[in-house]
Amino acid sequence: METIPVSEFRANLMKVLKRIEAGASITITCRGREMAHLIPPENPLEKARESLRELRKTAVIGDVVSPTGEEWEAMQ
């Protein structure tokens, strides 16, 4: 995690925010003391894609179209 003093943060606010938006995590300090941690927000679309990538590693898709041969009882 990158560390920057609050004075640099104030002077370069938009640049710092763009770096965070791009994925950087930054700690803001004041006189050497940590004041805040800025992290990028979770991207719900990317999180969903990652979940699908993980599922793809173990999922098995069989024949879902052909009849199974099982008898079904319909409720009337």
PDB file of N, CA and C in Angstrom:
ATOM      1  N   MET A   1       0.854  -1.181   0.000  1.00  0.00           N
ATOM      2  CA  MET A   1       0.000   0.000   0.000  1.00  0.00           C
ATOM      3  C   MET A   1       0.893   1.235   0.000  1.00  0.00           C
ATOM      4  N   GLU A   2       0.582   2.129  -0.870  1.00  0.00           N
ATOM      5  CA  GLU A   2       1.339   3.373  -1.005  1.00  0.00           C
ATOM      6  C   GLU A   2       0.939   4.344   0.109  1.00  0.00           C
ATOM      7  N   THR A   3       1.872   5.169   0.536  1.00  0.00           N
ATOM      8  CA  THR A   3       1.610   6.162   1.574  1.00  0.00           C
ATOM      9  C   THR A   3       1.939   7.551   1.040  1.00  0.00           C
ATOM     10  N   ILE A   4       1.011   8.510   1.283  1.00  0.00           N
ATOM     11  CA  ILE A   4       1.271   9.891   0.892  1.00  0.00           C
ATOM     12  C   ILE A   4       0.826  10.814   2.020  1.00  0.00           C
ATOM     13  N   PRO A   5       1.523  11.945   2.193  1.00  0.00           N
ATOM     14  CA  PRO A   5       1.109  12.914   3.219  1.00  0.00           C
ATOM     15  C   PRO A   5      -0.164  13.636   2.803  1.00  0.00           C
ATOM     16  N   VAL A   6      -0.921  14.096   3.776  1.00  0.00           N
ATOM     17  CA  VAL A   6      -2.194  14.767   3.514  1.00  0.00           C
ATOM     18  C   VAL A   6      -2.002  16.001   2.627  1.00  0.00           C
ATOM     19  N   SER A   7      -0.881  16.688   2.754  1.00  0.00           N
ATOM     20  CA  SER A   7      -0.641  17.865   1.919  1.00  0.00           C
ATOM     21  C   SER A   7      -0.548  17.484   0.441  1.00  0.00           C
ATOM     22  N   GLU A   8       0.107  16.358   0.140  1.00  0.00           N
ATOM     23  CA  GLU A   8       0.198  15.884  -1.243  1.00  0.00           C
ATOM     24  C   GLU A   8      -1.173  15.426  -1.728  1.00  0.00           C
ATOM     25  N   PHE A   9      -1.930  14.796  -0.845  1.00  0.00           N
ATOM     26  CA  PHE A   9      -3.281  14.365  -1.193  1.00  0.00           C
ATOM     27  C   PHE A   9      -4.144  15.567  -1.587  1.00  0.00           C
ATOM     28  N   ARG A  10      -4.100  16.607  -0.771  1.00  0.00           N
ATOM     29  CA  ARG A  10      -4.874  17.818  -1.067  1.00  0.00           C
ATOM     30  C   ARG A  10      -4.452  18.451  -2.394  1.00  0.00           C
ATOM     31  N   ALA A  11      -3.149  18.518  -2.615  1.00  0.00           N
ATOM     32  CA  ALA A  11      -2.630  19.177  -3.813  1.00  0.00           C
ATOM     33  C   ALA A  11      -2.916  18.387  -5.091  1.00  0.00           C
ATOM     34  N   ASN A  12      -3.069  17.087  -4.961  1.00  0.00           N
ATOM     35  CA  ASN A  12      -3.239  16.228  -6.137  1.00  0.00           C
ATOM     36  C   ASN A  12      -4.478  15.344  -6.018  1.00  0.00           C
ATOM     37  N   LEU A  13      -5.537  15.871  -5.477  1.00  0.00           N
ATOM     38  CA  LEU A  13      -6.738  15.089  -5.167  1.00  0.00           C
ATOM     39  C   LEU A  13      -7.225  14.261  -6.358  1.00  0.00           C
ATOM     40  N   MET A  14      -7.451  14.874  -7.483  1.00  0.00           N
ATOM     41  CA  MET A  14      -8.001  14.156  -8.633  1.00  0.00           C
ATOM     42  C   MET A  14      -7.039  13.078  -9.154  1.00  0.00           C
ATOM     43  N   LYS A  15      -5.744  13.358  -9.162  1.00  0.00           N
ATOM     44  CA  LYS A  15      -4.764  12.358  -9.594  1.00  0.00           C
ATOM     45  C   LYS A  15      -4.777  11.150  -8.662  1.00  0.00           C
ATOM     46  N   VAL A  16      -4.831  11.430  -7.366  1.00  0.00           N
ATOM     47  CA  VAL A  16      -4.849  10.344  -6.377  1.00  0.00           C
ATOM     48  C   VAL A  16      -6.127   9.524  -6.525  1.00  0.00           C
ATOM     49  N   LEU A  17      -7.262  10.182  -6.685  1.00  0.00           N
ATOM     50  CA  LEU A  17      -8.524   9.471  -6.836  1.00  0.00           C
ATOM     51  C   LEU A  17      -8.543   8.618  -8.103  1.00  0.00           C
ATOM     52  N   LYS A  18      -7.940   9.098  -9.163  1.00  0.00           N
ATOM     53  CA  LYS A  18      -7.868   8.311 -10.399  1.00  0.00           C
ATOM     54  C   LYS A  18      -7.002   7.068 -10.204  1.00  0.00           C
ATOM     55  N   ARG A  19      -5.914   7.192  -9.427  1.00  0.00           N
ATOM     56  CA  ARG A  19      -5.074   6.025  -9.139  1.00  0.00           C
ATOM     57  C   ARG A  19      -5.842   5.007  -8.310  1.00  0.00           C
ATOM     58  N   ILE A  20      -6.634   5.490  -7.366  1.00  0.00           N
ATOM     59  CA  ILE A  20      -7.446   4.585  -6.547  1.00  0.00           C
ATOM     60  C   ILE A  20      -8.496   3.904  -7.422  1.00  0.00           C
ATOM     61  N   GLU A  21      -9.123   4.662  -8.295  1.00  0.00           N
ATOM     62  CA  GLU A  21     -10.116   4.107  -9.202  1.00  0.00           C
ATOM     63  C   GLU A  21      -9.504   3.011 -10.081  1.00  0.00           C
ATOM     64  N   ALA A  22      -8.236   3.166 -10.418  1.00  0.00           N
ATOM     65  CA  ALA A  22      -7.525   2.188 -11.238  1.00  0.00           C
ATOM     66  C   ALA A  22      -7.078   0.971 -10.440  1.00  0.00           C
ATOM     67  N   GLY A  23      -7.298   0.980  -9.117  1.00  0.00           N
ATOM     68  CA  GLY A  23      -6.976  -0.196  -8.310  1.00  0.00           C
ATOM     69  C   GLY A  23      -5.951  -0.001  -7.213  1.00  0.00           C
ATOM     70  N   ALA A  24      -5.359   1.183  -7.105  1.00  0.00           N
ATOM     71  CA  ALA A  24      -4.342   1.422  -6.075  1.00  0.00           C
ATOM     72  C   ALA A  24      -4.991   1.586  -4.694  1.00  0.00           C
ATOM     73  N   SER A  25      -4.290   1.181  -3.664  1.00  0.00           N
ATOM     74  CA  SER A  25      -4.692   1.426  -2.283  1.00  0.00           C
ATOM     75  C   SER A  25      -3.684   2.390  -1.687  1.00  0.00           C
ATOM     76  N   ILE A  26      -4.162   3.444  -1.048  1.00  0.00           N
ATOM     77  CA  ILE A  26      -3.273   4.507  -0.573  1.00  0.00           C
ATOM     78  C   ILE A  26      -3.593   4.839   0.877  1.00  0.00           C
ATOM     79  N   THR A  27      -2.544   5.028   1.660  1.00  0.00           N
ATOM     80  CA  THR A  27      -2.682   5.468   3.041  1.00  0.00           C
ATOM     81  C   THR A  27      -2.327   6.950   3.113  1.00  0.00           C
ATOM     82  N   ILE A  28      -3.196   7.742   3.741  1.00  0.00           N
ATOM     83  CA  ILE A  28      -2.965   9.176   3.927  1.00  0.00           C
ATOM     84  C   ILE A  28      -2.383   9.367   5.320  1.00  0.00           C
ATOM     85  N   THR A  29      -1.283  10.129   5.395  1.00  0.00           N
ATOM     86  CA  THR A  29      -0.651  10.383   6.686  1.00  0.00           C
ATOM     87  C   THR A  29      -0.623  11.872   7.001  1.00  0.00           C
ATOM     88  N   CYS A  30      -0.551  12.167   8.282  1.00  0.00           N
ATOM     89  CA  CYS A  30      -0.402  13.539   8.758  1.00  0.00           C
ATOM     90  C   CYS A  30       0.674  13.524   9.830  1.00  0.00           C
ATOM     91  N   ARG A  31       1.779  14.166   9.537  1.00  0.00           N
ATOM     92  CA  ARG A  31       2.936  14.193  10.443  1.00  0.00           C
ATOM     93  C   ARG A  31       3.383  12.782  10.827  1.00  0.00           C
ATOM     94  N   GLY A  32       3.341  11.899   9.837  1.00  0.00           N
ATOM     95  CA  GLY A  32       3.816  10.535  10.053  1.00  0.00           C
ATOM     96  C   GLY A  32       2.789   9.566  10.612  1.00  0.00           C
ATOM     97  N   ARG A  33       1.631  10.068  11.030  1.00  0.00           N
ATOM     98  CA  ARG A  33       0.589   9.194  11.585  1.00  0.00           C
ATOM     99  C   ARG A  33      -0.424   8.856  10.502  1.00  0.00           C
ATOM    100  N   GLU A  34      -0.846   7.597  10.457  1.00  0.00           N
ATOM    101  CA  GLU A  34      -1.865   7.200   9.490  1.00  0.00           C
ATOM    102  C   GLU A  34      -3.190   7.853   9.850  1.00  0.00           C
ATOM    103  N   MET A  35      -3.818   8.466   8.848  1.00  0.00           N
ATOM    104  CA  MET A  35      -5.106   9.122   9.063  1.00  0.00           C
ATOM    105  C   MET A  35      -6.241   8.395   8.348  1.00  0.00           C
ATOM    106  N   ALA A  36      -5.953   7.813   7.183  1.00  0.00           N
ATOM    107  CA  ALA A  36      -6.999   7.149   6.408  1.00  0.00           C
ATOM    108  C   ALA A  36      -6.371   6.162   5.431  1.00  0.00           C
ATOM    109  N   HIS A  37      -7.156   5.155   5.087  1.00  0.00           N
ATOM    110  CA  HIS A  37      -6.797   4.205   4.043  1.00  0.00           C
ATOM    111  C   HIS A  37      -7.836   4.361   2.938  1.00  0.00           C
ATOM    112  N   LEU A  38      -7.390   4.637   1.751  1.00  0.00           N
ATOM    113  CA  LEU A  38      -8.295   4.762   0.613  1.00  0.00           C
ATOM    114  C   LEU A  38      -8.113   3.539  -0.280  1.00  0.00           C
ATOM    115  N   ILE A  39      -9.208   2.835  -0.527  1.00  0.00           N
ATOM    116  CA  ILE A  39      -9.176   1.630  -1.349  1.00  0.00           C
ATOM    117  C   ILE A  39     -10.238   1.750  -2.431  1.00  0.00           C
ATOM    118  N   PRO A  40     -10.026   1.092  -3.555  1.00  0.00           N
ATOM    119  CA  PRO A  40     -11.027   1.166  -4.630  1.00  0.00           C
ATOM    120  C   PRO A  40     -12.298   0.430  -4.225  1.00  0.00           C
ATOM    121  N   PRO A  41     -13.447   0.874  -4.725  1.00  0.00           N
ATOM    122  CA  PRO A  41     -14.684   0.173  -4.422  1.00  0.00           C
ATOM    123  C   PRO A  41     -14.716  -1.172  -5.133  1.00  0.00           C
ATOM    124  N   GLU A  42     -15.499  -2.104  -4.589  1.00  0.00           N
ATOM    125  CA  GLU A  42     -15.651  -3.388  -5.258  1.00  0.00           C
ATOM    126  C   GLU A  42     -16.476  -3.185  -6.520  1.00  0.00           C
ATOM    127  N   ASN A  43     -16.034  -3.819  -7.564  1.00  0.00           N
ATOM    128  CA  ASN A  43     -16.752  -3.756  -8.831  1.00  0.00           C
ATOM    129  C   ASN A  43     -17.668  -4.978  -8.886  1.00  0.00           C
ATOM    130  N   PRO A  44     -19.001  -4.786  -8.757  1.00  0.00           N
ATOM    131  CA  PRO A  44     -19.900  -5.943  -8.719  1.00  0.00           C
ATOM    132  C   PRO A  44     -19.836  -6.795  -9.989  1.00  0.00           C
ATOM    133  N   LEU A  45     -19.635  -6.171 -11.141  1.00  0.00           N
ATOM    134  CA  LEU A  45     -19.546  -6.927 -12.378  1.00  0.00           C
ATOM    135  C   LEU A  45     -18.296  -7.796 -12.386  1.00  0.00           C
ATOM    136  N   GLU A  46     -17.177  -7.231 -11.979  1.00  0.00           N
ATOM    137  CA  GLU A  46     -15.930  -7.998 -11.940  1.00  0.00           C
ATOM    138  C   GLU A  46     -16.017  -9.097 -10.883  1.00  0.00           C
ATOM    139  N   LYS A  47     -16.658  -8.819  -9.760  1.00  0.00           N
ATOM    140  CA  LYS A  47     -16.819  -9.825  -8.708  1.00  0.00           C
ATOM    141  C   LYS A  47     -17.648 -10.998  -9.229  1.00  0.00           C
ATOM    142  N   ALA A  48     -18.709 -10.716  -9.980  1.00  0.00           N
ATOM    143  CA  ALA A  48     -19.544 -11.770 -10.562  1.00  0.00           C
ATOM    144  C   ALA A  48     -18.744 -12.583 -11.584  1.00  0.00           C
ATOM    145  N   ARG A  49     -17.949 -11.901 -12.390  1.00  0.00           N
ATOM    146  CA  ARG A  49     -17.130 -12.623 -13.379  1.00  0.00           C
ATOM    147  C   ARG A  49     -16.121 -13.541 -12.695  1.00  0.00           C
ATOM    148  N   GLU A  50     -15.530 -13.071 -11.604  1.00  0.00           N
ATOM    149  CA  GLU A  50     -14.573 -13.894 -10.870  1.00  0.00           C
ATOM    150  C   GLU A  50     -15.264 -15.123 -10.289  1.00  0.00           C
ATOM    151  N   SER A  51     -16.479 -14.951  -9.763  1.00  0.00           N
ATOM    152  CA  SER A  51     -17.240 -16.089  -9.235  1.00  0.00           C
ATOM    153  C   SER A  51     -17.515 -17.106 -10.336  1.00  0.00           C
ATOM    154  N   LEU A  52     -17.871 -16.632 -11.514  1.00  0.00           N
ATOM    155  CA  LEU A  52     -18.113 -17.542 -12.639  1.00  0.00           C
ATOM    156  C   LEU A  52     -16.833 -18.252 -13.077  1.00  0.00           C
ATOM    157  N   ARG A  53     -15.707 -17.549 -13.042  1.00  0.00           N
ATOM    158  CA  ARG A  53     -14.429 -18.184 -13.390  1.00  0.00           C
ATOM    159  C   ARG A  53     -14.117 -19.311 -12.410  1.00  0.00           C
ATOM    160  N   GLU A  54     -14.368 -19.076 -11.128  1.00  0.00           N
ATOM    161  CA  GLU A  54     -14.132 -20.115 -10.121  1.00  0.00           C
ATOM    162  C   GLU A  54     -15.083 -21.295 -10.320  1.00  0.00           C
ATOM    163  N   LEU A  55     -16.346 -21.022 -10.600  1.00  0.00           N
ATOM    164  CA  LEU A  55     -17.331 -22.072 -10.829  1.00  0.00           C
ATOM    165  C   LEU A  55     -16.979 -22.894 -12.056  1.00  0.00           C
ATOM    166  N   ARG A  56     -16.462 -22.246 -13.083  1.00  0.00           N
ATOM    167  CA  ARG A  56     -16.090 -22.922 -14.320  1.00  0.00           C
ATOM    168  C   ARG A  56     -15.034 -24.001 -14.072  1.00  0.00           C
ATOM    169  N   LYS A  57     -14.205 -23.830 -13.053  1.00  0.00           N
ATOM    170  CA  LYS A  57     -13.144 -24.800 -12.775  1.00  0.00           C
ATOM    171  C   LYS A  57     -13.700 -26.143 -12.317  1.00  0.00           C
ATOM    172  N   THR A  58     -14.868 -26.156 -11.687  1.00  0.00           N
ATOM    173  CA  THR A  58     -15.397 -27.393 -11.118  1.00  0.00           C
ATOM    174  C   THR A  58     -16.743 -27.821 -11.699  1.00  0.00           C
ATOM    175  N   ALA A  59     -17.408 -26.956 -12.436  1.00  0.00           N
ATOM    176  CA  ALA A  59     -18.740 -27.276 -12.947  1.00  0.00           C
ATOM    177  C   ALA A  59     -18.676 -28.295 -14.073  1.00  0.00           C
ATOM    178  N   VAL A  60     -19.680 -29.185 -14.082  1.00  0.00           N
ATOM    179  CA  VAL A  60     -19.815 -30.172 -15.147  1.00  0.00           C
ATOM    180  C   VAL A  60     -21.216 -30.024 -15.707  1.00  0.00           C
ATOM    181  N   ILE A  61     -21.302 -29.780 -16.973  1.00  0.00           N
ATOM    182  CA  ILE A  61     -22.600 -29.628 -17.614  1.00  0.00           C
ATOM    183  C   ILE A  61     -22.836 -30.851 -18.486  1.00  0.00           C
ATOM    184  N   GLY A  62     -23.915 -31.556 -18.176  1.00  0.00           N
ATOM    185  CA  GLY A  62     -24.257 -32.742 -18.955  1.00  0.00           C
ATOM    186  C   GLY A  62     -25.338 -32.424 -19.969  1.00  0.00           C
ATOM    187  N   ASP A  63     -25.958 -33.473 -20.465  1.00  0.00           N
ATOM    188  CA  ASP A  63     -27.040 -33.335 -21.437  1.00  0.00           C
ATOM    189  C   ASP A  63     -28.293 -32.895 -20.688  1.00  0.00           C
ATOM    190  N   VAL A  64     -28.750 -31.696 -20.941  1.00  0.00           N
ATOM    191  CA  VAL A  64     -29.927 -31.164 -20.249  1.00  0.00           C
ATOM    192  C   VAL A  64     -31.155 -31.139 -21.153  1.00  0.00           C
ATOM    193  N   VAL A  65     -31.033 -31.673 -22.357  1.00  0.00           N
ATOM    194  CA  VAL A  65     -32.124 -31.628 -23.323  1.00  0.00           C
ATOM    195  C   VAL A  65     -32.809 -32.989 -23.474  1.00  0.00           C
ATOM    196  N   SER A  66     -32.044 -34.064 -23.489  1.00  0.00           N
ATOM    197  CA  SER A  66     -32.601 -35.391 -23.725  1.00  0.00           C
ATOM    198  C   SER A  66     -33.471 -35.840 -22.556  1.00  0.00           C
ATOM    199  N   PRO A  67     -34.505 -36.677 -22.837  1.00  0.00           N
ATOM    200  CA  PRO A  67     -35.355 -37.201 -21.763  1.00  0.00           C
ATOM    201  C   PRO A  67     -34.544 -38.072 -20.803  1.00  0.00           C
ATOM    202  N   THR A  68     -34.954 -38.093 -19.543  1.00  0.00           N
ATOM    203  CA  THR A  68     -34.240 -38.864 -18.526  1.00  0.00           C
ATOM    204  C   THR A  68     -34.771 -40.273 -18.389  1.00  0.00           C
ATOM    205  N   GLY A  69     -36.002 -40.521 -18.893  1.00  0.00           N
ATOM    206  CA  GLY A  69     -36.584 -41.848 -18.756  1.00  0.00           C
ATOM    207  C   GLY A  69     -37.371 -42.005 -17.467  1.00  0.00           C
ATOM    208  N   GLU A  70     -37.369 -40.983 -16.634  1.00  0.00           N
ATOM    209  CA  GLU A  70     -38.119 -41.049 -15.369  1.00  0.00           C
ATOM    210  C   GLU A  70     -39.574 -40.691 -15.613  1.00  0.00           C
ATOM    211  N   GLU A  71     -40.456 -41.337 -14.847  1.00  0.00           N
ATOM    212  CA  GLU A  71     -41.877 -41.025 -14.916  1.00  0.00           C
ATOM    213  C   GLU A  71     -42.173 -39.874 -13.971  1.00  0.00           C
ATOM    214  N   TRP A  72     -42.990 -38.944 -14.422  1.00  0.00           N
ATOM    215  CA  TRP A  72     -43.389 -37.810 -13.617  1.00  0.00           C
ATOM    216  C   TRP A  72     -44.896 -37.873 -13.383  1.00  0.00           C
ATOM    217  N   GLU A  73     -45.283 -37.515 -12.190  1.00  0.00           N
ATOM    218  CA  GLU A  73     -46.706 -37.438 -11.886  1.00  0.00           C
ATOM    219  C   GLU A  73     -47.113 -35.976 -11.859  1.00  0.00           C
ATOM    220  N   ALA A  74     -48.128 -35.654 -12.660  1.00  0.00           N
ATOM    221  CA  ALA A  74     -48.607 -34.282 -12.702  1.00  0.00           C
ATOM    222  C   ALA A  74     -49.741 -34.113 -11.692  1.00  0.00           C
ATOM    223  N   MET A  75     -49.723 -33.035 -10.971  1.00  0.00           N
ATOM    224  CA  MET A  75     -50.819 -32.728 -10.044  1.00  0.00           C
ATOM    225  C   MET A  75     -51.941 -32.070 -10.834  1.00  0.00           C
ATOM    226  N   GLN A  76     -53.184 -32.457 -10.523  1.00  0.00           N
ATOM    227  CA  GLN A  76     -54.318 -31.869 -11.238  1.00  0.00           C
ATOM    228  C   GLN A  76     -55.200 -31.112 -10.307  1.00  0.00           C
TER     229      GLN A  76
END
